[in-house]
Amino acid sequence: MYKCHRTDTRCVRERTRNQSVTFEWDEVDSVTREVVEAVATVTGLDPTEFDPLATAIDPDALEALFAPRDGGERRDRGYVQFPVAGHDVTVYAHGEVVVHQ
């Protein structure tokens, strides 16, 4: 069962102990920013209250991992997982950020 909380173009879904934020790739200019905003939204913390994302993952590598292919086609498979603010965070190529609690 999901509860969806809309924030701008994002949808925060609560699922058991995990919460996820989904976004549309066309409306995103930075995967890193989406991760920071998702963690802040789910945890209720201000981004200045947790360590910079760069302490967990290289932001340039994160951006490159989910960047469109040479032909401009979006990647639709794959994910990466890393810890942020005491939570494991999973970013999926289809546009979902899950903050595991």
Protein backbone atom coordinates (compact mmCIF):
# COMPACT_ATOMS: atom_id res chain seq x y z
CA MET A 1 0.00 0.00 0.00
CA TYR A 2 1.32 3.42 -0.93
CA LYS A 3 0.45 6.86 0.28
CA CYS A 4 1.40 9.53 -2.20
CA HIS A 5 2.36 13.02 -1.06
CA ARG A 6 2.84 15.41 -3.97
CA THR A 7 5.56 18.02 -3.75
CA ASP A 8 5.79 19.97 -7.00
CA THR A 9 6.29 17.28 -9.65
CA ARG A 10 7.49 14.66 -7.18
CA CYS A 11 5.50 11.95 -5.52
CA VAL A 12 6.60 10.72 -2.11
CA ARG A 13 5.26 7.22 -1.49
CA GLU A 14 5.32 5.57 1.89
CA ARG A 15 5.76 1.81 1.77
CA THR A 16 6.16 -0.14 4.99
CA ARG A 17 9.45 1.18 6.38
CA ASN A 18 10.82 2.61 3.12
CA GLN A 19 9.82 5.80 1.39
CA SER A 20 10.40 6.68 -2.21
CA VAL A 21 10.38 9.81 -4.29
CA THR A 22 9.70 9.54 -8.00
CA PHE A 23 10.53 12.15 -10.58
CA GLU A 24 10.36 12.71 -14.32
CA TRP A 25 13.78 12.78 -15.99
CA ASP A 26 12.66 15.53 -18.37
CA GLU A 27 12.01 17.80 -15.39
CA VAL A 28 15.31 17.09 -13.60
CA ASP A 29 18.56 18.91 -14.15
CA SER A 30 20.55 17.04 -11.48
CA VAL A 31 20.23 13.50 -10.11
CA THR A 32 22.38 14.59 -7.17
CA ARG A 33 19.95 17.37 -6.31
CA GLU A 34 17.03 14.93 -6.51
CA VAL A 35 18.77 12.59 -4.07
CA VAL A 36 19.48 15.40 -1.61
CA GLU A 37 15.88 16.64 -1.84
CA ALA A 38 14.51 13.10 -1.44
CA VAL A 39 16.58 12.47 1.69
CA ALA A 40 15.56 15.86 3.11
CA THR A 41 11.88 15.23 2.33
CA VAL A 42 11.80 11.73 3.76
CA THR A 43 13.90 12.40 6.87
CA GLY A 44 12.58 15.87 7.61
CA LEU A 45 16.15 17.15 7.80
CA ASP A 46 17.46 20.26 6.14
CA PRO A 47 20.20 19.32 3.63
CA THR A 48 22.68 21.29 5.75
CA GLU A 49 21.96 18.91 8.65
CA PHE A 50 23.48 15.85 6.98
CA ASP A 51 26.89 15.19 5.45
CA PRO A 52 27.42 16.29 1.86
CA LEU A 53 26.46 13.63 -0.68
CA ALA A 54 30.07 13.60 -1.88
CA THR A 55 31.09 11.82 1.34
CA ALA A 56 29.03 8.80 0.19
CA ILE A 57 29.30 8.87 -3.61
CA ASP A 58 31.06 10.91 -6.26
CA PRO A 59 28.37 13.31 -7.57
CA ASP A 60 29.94 13.41 -11.04
CA ALA A 61 29.88 9.62 -11.22
CA LEU A 62 26.23 9.60 -10.11
CA GLU A 63 25.31 12.09 -12.83
CA ALA A 64 27.26 10.12 -15.45
CA LEU A 65 25.68 6.83 -14.42
CA PHE A 66 22.19 8.09 -15.21
CA ALA A 67 23.05 10.45 -18.07
CA PRO A 68 21.32 9.83 -21.41
CA ARG A 69 23.11 7.61 -23.91
CA ASP A 70 24.98 9.12 -26.85
CA GLY A 71 21.79 9.22 -28.93
CA GLY A 72 19.94 11.09 -26.19
CA GLU A 73 17.97 8.02 -25.13
CA ARG A 74 17.30 7.78 -21.39
CA ARG A 75 18.62 4.79 -19.52
CA ASP A 76 15.78 2.66 -18.19
CA ARG A 77 17.66 -0.04 -16.28
CA GLY A 78 20.10 -0.07 -13.44
CA TYR A 79 20.46 1.33 -9.97
CA VAL A 80 23.02 2.41 -7.40
CA GLN A 81 22.80 2.22 -3.60
CA PHE A 82 24.76 4.16 -0.97
CA PRO A 83 24.33 5.48 2.60
CA VAL A 84 23.17 9.03 3.34
CA ALA A 85 22.14 10.53 6.69
CA GLY A 86 21.96 7.12 8.36
CA HIS A 87 19.78 5.62 5.61
CA ASP A 88 20.53 3.48 2.59
CA VAL A 89 19.47 5.28 -0.56
CA THR A 90 18.76 3.52 -3.87
CA VAL A 91 18.54 5.50 -7.11
CA TYR A 92 16.89 3.69 -10.02
CA ALA A 93 17.31 4.57 -13.68
CA HIS A 94 13.53 4.76 -14.14
CA GLY A 95 13.38 7.83 -11.87
CA GLU A 96 12.84 6.59 -8.35
CA VAL A 97 14.83 7.38 -5.23
CA VAL A 98 14.13 5.05 -2.30
CA VAL A 99 15.21 6.03 1.19
CA HIS A 100 15.39 2.82 3.24
CA GLN A 101 14.69 3.15 6.95
